[in-house]
Amino acid sequence: MEILEAKIYKLREDERTAKEKGMYISKTTDIEWGNQIRSYVLHPYKMVKDHRTNTETARVDEVFGGDIELFLEAEKGL
């Protein structure tokens, strides 16, 4: 009976360890510049570029104000 309990304990411990390893995605995932959606350039010129659709605009203030229709329409066109 003790052998069975020890095997069950070992199995549950292995499952818990595997579950904990799955929670550490940030340690195994590389964050690179290629993962960004948009670039915002404010100096020396103003530009916003959507990297998914290659759409650009110089109306930075409007984009910061929430007007992103240009990017949404470009996404629909893909």
PDB file of N, CA and C in Angstrom:
ATOM      1  N   MET A   1       0.823  -1.188   0.000  1.00  0.00           N
ATOM      2  CA  MET A   1       0.000   0.000   0.000  1.00  0.00           C
ATOM      3  C   MET A   1       0.871   1.257   0.000  1.00  0.00           C
ATOM      4  N   GLU A   2       1.984   1.201   0.737  1.00  0.00           N
ATOM      5  CA  GLU A   2       2.880   2.351   0.790  1.00  0.00           C
ATOM      6  C   GLU A   2       3.504   2.629  -0.576  1.00  0.00           C
ATOM      7  N   ILE A   3       3.772   1.585  -1.338  1.00  0.00           N
ATOM      8  CA  ILE A   3       4.352   1.759  -2.678  1.00  0.00           C
ATOM      9  C   ILE A   3       3.352   2.469  -3.586  1.00  0.00           C
ATOM     10  N   LEU A   4       2.084   2.088  -3.507  1.00  0.00           N
ATOM     11  CA  LEU A   4       1.045   2.731  -4.307  1.00  0.00           C
ATOM     12  C   LEU A   4       0.916   4.209  -3.936  1.00  0.00           C
ATOM     13  N   GLU A   5       0.905   4.522  -2.637  1.00  0.00           N
ATOM     14  CA  GLU A   5       0.828   5.915  -2.186  1.00  0.00           C
ATOM     15  C   GLU A   5       2.036   6.711  -2.674  1.00  0.00           C
ATOM     16  N   ALA A   6       3.192   6.117  -2.638  1.00  0.00           N
ATOM     17  CA  ALA A   6       4.405   6.800  -3.094  1.00  0.00           C
ATOM     18  C   ALA A   6       4.342   7.077  -4.595  1.00  0.00           C
ATOM     19  N   LYS A   7       3.818   6.127  -5.367  1.00  0.00           N
ATOM     20  CA  LYS A   7       3.699   6.328  -6.808  1.00  0.00           C
ATOM     21  C   LYS A   7       2.683   7.421  -7.137  1.00  0.00           C
ATOM     22  N   ILE A   8       1.569   7.427  -6.425  1.00  0.00           N
ATOM     23  CA  ILE A   8       0.564   8.479  -6.623  1.00  0.00           C
ATOM     24  C   ILE A   8       1.140   9.836  -6.240  1.00  0.00           C
ATOM     25  N   TYR A   9       1.858   9.908  -5.145  1.00  0.00           N
ATOM     26  CA  TYR A   9       2.491  11.151  -4.720  1.00  0.00           C
ATOM     27  C   TYR A   9       3.473  11.639  -5.786  1.00  0.00           C
ATOM     28  N   LYS A  10       4.290  10.741  -6.310  1.00  0.00           N
ATOM     29  CA  LYS A  10       5.279  11.086  -7.336  1.00  0.00           C
ATOM     30  C   LYS A  10       4.584  11.590  -8.598  1.00  0.00           C
ATOM     31  N   LEU A  11       3.495  10.943  -8.996  1.00  0.00           N
ATOM     32  CA  LEU A  11       2.740  11.355 -10.175  1.00  0.00           C
ATOM     33  C   LEU A  11       2.164  12.761  -9.998  1.00  0.00           C
ATOM     34  N   ARG A  12       1.566  13.015  -8.845  1.00  0.00           N
ATOM     35  CA  ARG A  12       0.994  14.353  -8.577  1.00  0.00           C
ATOM     36  C   ARG A  12       2.084  15.413  -8.498  1.00  0.00           C
ATOM     37  N   GLU A  13       3.217  15.078  -7.943  1.00  0.00           N
ATOM     38  CA  GLU A  13       4.336  16.023  -7.859  1.00  0.00           C
ATOM     39  C   GLU A  13       4.859  16.352  -9.256  1.00  0.00           C
ATOM     40  N   ASP A  14       4.950  15.350 -10.124  1.00  0.00           N
ATOM     41  CA  ASP A  14       5.381  15.586 -11.500  1.00  0.00           C
ATOM     42  C   ASP A  14       4.390  16.469 -12.256  1.00  0.00           C
ATOM     43  N   GLU A  15       3.093  16.243 -12.045  1.00  0.00           N
ATOM     44  CA  GLU A  15       2.062  17.069 -12.677  1.00  0.00           C
ATOM     45  C   GLU A  15       2.159  18.513 -12.200  1.00  0.00           C
ATOM     46  N   ARG A  16       2.364  18.706 -10.898  1.00  0.00           N
ATOM     47  CA  ARG A  16       2.473  20.061 -10.348  1.00  0.00           C
ATOM     48  C   ARG A  16       3.694  20.772 -10.908  1.00  0.00           C
ATOM     49  N   THR A  17       4.795  20.066 -11.014  1.00  0.00           N
ATOM     50  CA  THR A  17       6.024  20.646 -11.552  1.00  0.00           C
ATOM     51  C   THR A  17       5.837  21.037 -13.011  1.00  0.00           C
ATOM     52  N   ALA A  18       5.189  20.173 -13.781  1.00  0.00           N
ATOM     53  CA  ALA A  18       4.939  20.475 -15.193  1.00  0.00           C
ATOM     54  C   ALA A  18       4.021  21.689 -15.332  1.00  0.00           C
ATOM     55  N   LYS A  19       3.033  21.778 -14.464  1.00  0.00           N
ATOM     56  CA  LYS A  19       2.114  22.920 -14.495  1.00  0.00           C
ATOM     57  C   LYS A  19       2.860  24.220 -14.167  1.00  0.00           C
ATOM     58  N   GLU A  20       3.742  24.187 -13.192  1.00  0.00           N
ATOM     59  CA  GLU A  20       4.523  25.368 -12.830  1.00  0.00           C
ATOM     60  C   GLU A  20       5.437  25.794 -13.973  1.00  0.00           C
ATOM     61  N   LYS A  21       6.030  24.831 -14.653  1.00  0.00           N
ATOM     62  CA  LYS A  21       6.904  25.166 -15.779  1.00  0.00           C
ATOM     63  C   LYS A  21       6.126  25.843 -16.894  1.00  0.00           C
ATOM     64  N   GLY A  22       4.868  25.463 -17.075  1.00  0.00           N
ATOM     65  CA  GLY A  22       4.019  26.068 -18.100  1.00  0.00           C
ATOM     66  C   GLY A  22       3.649  27.501 -17.795  1.00  0.00           C
ATOM     67  N   MET A  23       3.762  27.920 -16.560  1.00  0.00           N
ATOM     68  CA  MET A  23       3.403  29.283 -16.172  1.00  0.00           C
ATOM     69  C   MET A  23       4.518  30.284 -16.451  1.00  0.00           C
ATOM     70  N   TYR A  24       5.694  29.832 -16.774  1.00  0.00           N
ATOM     71  CA  TYR A  24       6.830  30.724 -16.972  1.00  0.00           C
ATOM     72  C   TYR A  24       7.077  30.970 -18.452  1.00  0.00           C
ATOM     73  N   ILE A  25       6.058  31.448 -19.144  1.00  0.00           N
ATOM     74  CA  ILE A  25       6.168  31.710 -20.578  1.00  0.00           C
ATOM     75  C   ILE A  25       7.164  32.837 -20.845  1.00  0.00           C
ATOM     76  N   SER A  26       7.159  33.848 -20.005  1.00  0.00           N
ATOM     77  CA  SER A  26       8.021  35.000 -20.256  1.00  0.00           C
ATOM     78  C   SER A  26       9.501  34.639 -20.222  1.00  0.00           C
ATOM     79  N   LYS A  27       9.859  33.593 -19.521  1.00  0.00           N
ATOM     80  CA  LYS A  27      11.261  33.196 -19.469  1.00  0.00           C
ATOM     81  C   LYS A  27      11.681  32.465 -20.737  1.00  0.00           C
ATOM     82  N   THR A  28      10.734  31.864 -21.437  1.00  0.00           N
ATOM     83  CA  THR A  28      11.073  31.105 -22.636  1.00  0.00           C
ATOM     84  C   THR A  28      10.731  31.851 -23.922  1.00  0.00           C
ATOM     85  N   THR A  29       9.987  32.944 -23.834  1.00  0.00           N
ATOM     86  CA  THR A  29       9.574  33.693 -25.005  1.00  0.00           C
ATOM     87  C   THR A  29      10.482  34.901 -25.191  1.00  0.00           C
ATOM     88  N   ASP A  30      11.019  35.046 -26.384  1.00  0.00           N
ATOM     89  CA  ASP A  30      11.847  36.204 -26.692  1.00  0.00           C
ATOM     90  C   ASP A  30      10.957  37.361 -27.132  1.00  0.00           C
ATOM     91  N   ILE A  31      11.206  38.522 -26.566  1.00  0.00           N
ATOM     92  CA  ILE A  31      10.505  39.728 -26.972  1.00  0.00           C
ATOM     93  C   ILE A  31      11.461  40.498 -27.864  1.00  0.00           C
ATOM     94  N   GLU A  32      11.032  40.710 -29.080  1.00  0.00           N
ATOM     95  CA  GLU A  32      11.888  41.360 -30.061  1.00  0.00           C
ATOM     96  C   GLU A  32      11.166  42.554 -30.654  1.00  0.00           C
ATOM     97  N   TRP A  33      11.912  43.397 -31.343  1.00  0.00           N
ATOM     98  CA  TRP A  33      11.338  44.556 -32.004  1.00  0.00           C
ATOM     99  C   TRP A  33      10.362  44.139 -33.091  1.00  0.00           C
ATOM    100  N   GLY A  34      10.528  42.977 -33.663  1.00  0.00           N
ATOM    101  CA  GLY A  34       9.655  42.531 -34.731  1.00  0.00           C
ATOM    102  C   GLY A  34       8.240  42.216 -34.287  1.00  0.00           C
ATOM    103  N   ASN A  35       7.977  42.213 -33.000  1.00  0.00           N
ATOM    104  CA  ASN A  35       6.657  41.886 -32.495  1.00  0.00           C
ATOM    105  C   ASN A  35       5.759  43.099 -32.307  1.00  0.00           C
ATOM    106  N   GLN A  36       6.260  44.279 -32.558  1.00  0.00           N
ATOM    107  CA  GLN A  36       5.444  45.457 -32.311  1.00  0.00           C
ATOM    108  C   GLN A  36       4.450  45.672 -33.441  1.00  0.00           C
ATOM    109  N   ILE A  37       3.326  46.294 -33.118  1.00  0.00           N
ATOM    110  CA  ILE A  37       2.269  46.536 -34.087  1.00  0.00           C
ATOM    111  C   ILE A  37       2.475  47.868 -34.783  1.00  0.00           C
ATOM    112  N   ARG A  38       2.774  48.914 -34.014  1.00  0.00           N
ATOM    113  CA  ARG A  38       2.942  50.245 -34.603  1.00  0.00           C
ATOM    114  C   ARG A  38       4.182  50.932 -34.060  1.00  0.00           C
ATOM    115  N   SER A  39       4.724  51.812 -34.889  1.00  0.00           N
ATOM    116  CA  SER A  39       5.830  52.676 -34.477  1.00  0.00           C
ATOM    117  C   SER A  39       5.333  54.109 -34.467  1.00  0.00           C
ATOM    118  N   TYR A  40       5.746  54.857 -33.454  1.00  0.00           N
ATOM    119  CA  TYR A  40       5.386  56.263 -33.326  1.00  0.00           C
ATOM    120  C   TYR A  40       6.673  57.064 -33.321  1.00  0.00           C
ATOM    121  N   VAL A  41       6.861  57.900 -34.346  1.00  0.00           N
ATOM    122  CA  VAL A  41       8.029  58.761 -34.438  1.00  0.00           C
ATOM    123  C   VAL A  41       7.548  60.186 -34.198  1.00  0.00           C
ATOM    124  N   LEU A  42       8.147  60.860 -33.226  1.00  0.00           N
ATOM    125  CA  LEU A  42       7.705  62.207 -32.889  1.00  0.00           C
ATOM    126  C   LEU A  42       8.770  63.258 -33.139  1.00  0.00           C
ATOM    127  N   HIS A  43      10.002  62.833 -33.363  1.00  0.00           N
ATOM    128  CA  HIS A  43      11.073  63.800 -33.597  1.00  0.00           C
ATOM    129  C   HIS A  43      12.152  63.148 -34.441  1.00  0.00           C
ATOM    130  N   PRO A  44      12.660  63.727 -35.427  1.00  0.00           N
ATOM    131  CA  PRO A  44      12.559  65.089 -35.951  1.00  0.00           C
ATOM    132  C   PRO A  44      11.349  65.299 -36.846  1.00  0.00           C
ATOM    133  N   TYR A  45      10.647  64.256 -37.231  1.00  0.00           N
ATOM    134  CA  TYR A  45       9.412  64.382 -37.993  1.00  0.00           C
ATOM    135  C   TYR A  45       8.359  63.557 -37.288  1.00  0.00           C
ATOM    136  N   LYS A  46       7.111  63.698 -37.695  1.00  0.00           N
ATOM    137  CA  LYS A  46       6.031  62.954 -37.044  1.00  0.00           C
ATOM    138  C   LYS A  46       5.488  61.910 -38.006  1.00  0.00           C
ATOM    139  N   MET A  47       5.360  60.674 -37.496  1.00  0.00           N
ATOM    140  CA  MET A  47       4.833  59.602 -38.314  1.00  0.00           C
ATOM    141  C   MET A  47       4.358  58.460 -37.416  1.00  0.00           C
ATOM    142  N   VAL A  48       3.273  57.812 -37.843  1.00  0.00           N
ATOM    143  CA  VAL A  48       2.802  56.588 -37.223  1.00  0.00           C
ATOM    144  C   VAL A  48       2.753  55.542 -38.322  1.00  0.00           C
ATOM    145  N   LYS A  49       3.354  54.380 -38.068  1.00  0.00           N
ATOM    146  CA  LYS A  49       3.372  53.315 -39.058  1.00  0.00           C
ATOM    147  C   LYS A  49       2.835  52.042 -38.438  1.00  0.00           C
ATOM    148  N   ASP A  50       1.884  51.423 -39.133  1.00  0.00           N
ATOM    149  CA  ASP A  50       1.352  50.124 -38.738  1.00  0.00           C
ATOM    150  C   ASP A  50       2.172  49.069 -39.472  1.00  0.00           C
ATOM    151  N   HIS A  51       2.861  48.212 -38.729  1.00  0.00           N
ATOM    152  CA  HIS A  51       3.766  47.239 -39.330  1.00  0.00           C
ATOM    153  C   HIS A  51       3.044  46.039 -39.936  1.00  0.00           C
ATOM    154  N   ARG A  52       1.821  45.797 -39.537  1.00  0.00           N
ATOM    155  CA  ARG A  52       1.071  44.666 -40.114  1.00  0.00           C
ATOM    156  C   ARG A  52       0.607  44.972 -41.525  1.00  0.00           C
ATOM    157  N   THR A  53       0.209  46.243 -41.757  1.00  0.00           N
ATOM    158  CA  THR A  53      -0.340  46.623 -43.058  1.00  0.00           C
ATOM    159  C   THR A  53       0.560  47.568 -43.836  1.00  0.00           C
ATOM    160  N   ASN A  54       1.667  47.997 -43.240  1.00  0.00           N
ATOM    161  CA  ASN A  54       2.583  48.978 -43.830  1.00  0.00           C
ATOM    162  C   ASN A  54       1.892  50.298 -44.146  1.00  0.00           C
ATOM    163  N   THR A  55       0.889  50.657 -43.350  1.00  0.00           N
ATOM    164  CA  THR A  55       0.180  51.917 -43.507  1.00  0.00           C
ATOM    165  C   THR A  55       0.874  52.973 -42.664  1.00  0.00           C
ATOM    166  N   GLU A  56       1.069  54.164 -43.261  1.00  0.00           N
ATOM    167  CA  GLU A  56       1.736  55.265 -42.560  1.00  0.00           C
ATOM    168  C   GLU A  56       0.876  56.508 -42.608  1.00  0.00           C
ATOM    169  N   THR A  57       1.010  57.344 -41.594  1.00  0.00           N
ATOM    170  CA  THR A  57       0.354  58.637 -41.574  1.00  0.00           C
ATOM    171  C   THR A  57       1.210  59.622 -40.787  1.00  0.00           C
ATOM    172  N   ALA A  58       1.098  60.894 -41.162  1.00  0.00           N
ATOM    173  CA  ALA A  58       1.801  61.961 -40.447  1.00  0.00           C
ATOM    174  C   ALA A  58       0.879  62.638 -39.440  1.00  0.00           C
ATOM    175  N   ARG A  59      -0.374  62.196 -39.349  1.00  0.00           N
ATOM    176  CA  ARG A  59      -1.353  62.792 -38.434  1.00  0.00           C
ATOM    177  C   ARG A  59      -1.268  62.138 -37.057  1.00  0.00           C
ATOM    178  N   VAL A  60      -0.147  62.333 -36.406  1.00  0.00           N
ATOM    179  CA  VAL A  60       0.130  61.695 -35.121  1.00  0.00           C
ATOM    180  C   VAL A  60      -0.854  62.151 -34.048  1.00  0.00           C
ATOM    181  N   ASP A  61      -1.145  63.440 -34.009  1.00  0.00           N
ATOM    182  CA  ASP A  61      -2.053  63.964 -32.984  1.00  0.00           C
ATOM    183  C   ASP A  61      -3.443  63.338 -33.095  1.00  0.00           C
ATOM    184  N   GLU A  62      -3.919  63.122 -34.324  1.00  0.00           N
ATOM    185  CA  GLU A  62      -5.230  62.506 -34.506  1.00  0.00           C
ATOM    186  C   GLU A  62      -5.219  61.044 -34.060  1.00  0.00           C
ATOM    187  N   VAL A  63      -4.129  60.337 -34.343  1.00  0.00           N
ATOM    188  CA  VAL A  63      -4.017  58.938 -33.916  1.00  0.00           C
ATOM    189  C   VAL A  63      -3.978  58.856 -32.402  1.00  0.00           C
ATOM    190  N   PHE A  64      -3.223  59.744 -31.759  1.00  0.00           N
ATOM    191  CA  PHE A  64      -3.193  59.772 -30.300  1.00  0.00           C
ATOM    192  C   PHE A  64      -4.562  60.110 -29.719  1.00  0.00           C
ATOM    193  N   GLY A  65      -5.358  60.856 -30.484  1.00  0.00           N
ATOM    194  CA  GLY A  65      -6.709  61.209 -30.050  1.00  0.00           C
ATOM    195  C   GLY A  65      -7.709  60.087 -30.242  1.00  0.00           C
ATOM    196  N   GLY A  66      -7.291  58.989 -30.885  1.00  0.00           N
ATOM    197  CA  GLY A  66      -8.168  57.842 -31.039  1.00  0.00           C
ATOM    198  C   GLY A  66      -8.646  57.588 -32.451  1.00  0.00           C
ATOM    199  N   ASP A  67      -8.269  58.441 -33.397  1.00  0.00           N
ATOM    200  CA  ASP A  67      -8.695  58.269 -34.791  1.00  0.00           C
ATOM    201  C   ASP A  67      -7.782  57.254 -35.479  1.00  0.00           C
ATOM    202  N   ILE A  68      -8.174  55.988 -35.440  1.00  0.00           N
ATOM    203  CA  ILE A  68      -7.365  54.935 -36.052  1.00  0.00           C
ATOM    204  C   ILE A  68      -8.101  54.274 -37.219  1.00  0.00           C
ATOM    205  N   GLU A  69      -9.079  54.978 -37.784  1.00  0.00           N
ATOM    206  CA  GLU A  69      -9.848  54.433 -38.901  1.00  0.00           C
ATOM    207  C   GLU A  69      -8.953  54.059 -40.078  1.00  0.00           C
ATOM    208  N   LEU A  70      -7.914  54.830 -40.333  1.00  0.00           N
ATOM    209  CA  LEU A  70      -6.993  54.537 -41.424  1.00  0.00           C
ATOM    210  C   LEU A  70      -6.398  53.141 -41.267  1.00  0.00           C
ATOM    211  N   PHE A  71      -6.004  52.802 -40.073  1.00  0.00           N
ATOM    212  CA  PHE A  71      -5.394  51.493 -39.820  1.00  0.00           C
ATOM    213  C   PHE A  71      -6.440  50.374 -39.850  1.00  0.00           C
ATOM    214  N   LEU A  72      -7.652  50.666 -39.372  1.00  0.00           N
ATOM    215  CA  LEU A  72      -8.705  49.663 -39.405  1.00  0.00           C
ATOM    216  C   LEU A  72      -9.127  49.330 -40.831  1.00  0.00           C
ATOM    217  N   GLU A  73      -9.230  50.348 -41.666  1.00  0.00           N
ATOM    218  CA  GLU A  73      -9.587  50.130 -43.075  1.00  0.00           C
ATOM    219  C   GLU A  73      -8.496  49.363 -43.793  1.00  0.00           C
ATOM    220  N   ALA A  74      -7.246  49.659 -43.493  1.00  0.00           N
ATOM    221  CA  ALA A  74      -6.137  48.937 -44.111  1.00  0.00           C
ATOM    222  C   ALA A  74      -6.149  47.475 -43.689  1.00  0.00           C
ATOM    223  N   GLU A  75      -6.523  47.214 -42.450  1.00  0.00           N
ATOM    224  CA  GLU A  75      -6.591  45.830 -41.958  1.00  0.00           C
ATOM    225  C   GLU A  75      -7.715  45.063 -42.659  1.00  0.00           C
ATOM    226  N   LYS A  76      -8.833  45.739 -42.914  1.00  0.00           N
ATOM    227  CA  LYS A  76      -9.953  45.092 -43.607  1.00  0.00           C
ATOM    228  C   LYS A  76      -9.570  44.730 -45.040  1.00  0.00           C
ATOM    229  N   GLY A  77      -8.717  45.548 -45.633  1.00  0.00           N
ATOM    230  CA  GLY A  77      -8.308  45.340 -47.021  1.00  0.00           C
ATOM    231  C   GLY A  77      -7.380  44.168 -47.219  1.00  0.00           C
ATOM    232  N   LEU A  78      -6.823  43.635 -46.144  1.00  0.00           N
ATOM    233  CA  LEU A  78      -5.897  42.505 -46.273  1.00  0.00           C
ATOM    234  C   LEU A  78      -6.603  41.243 -46.533  1.00  0.00           C
TER     235      LEU A  78
END
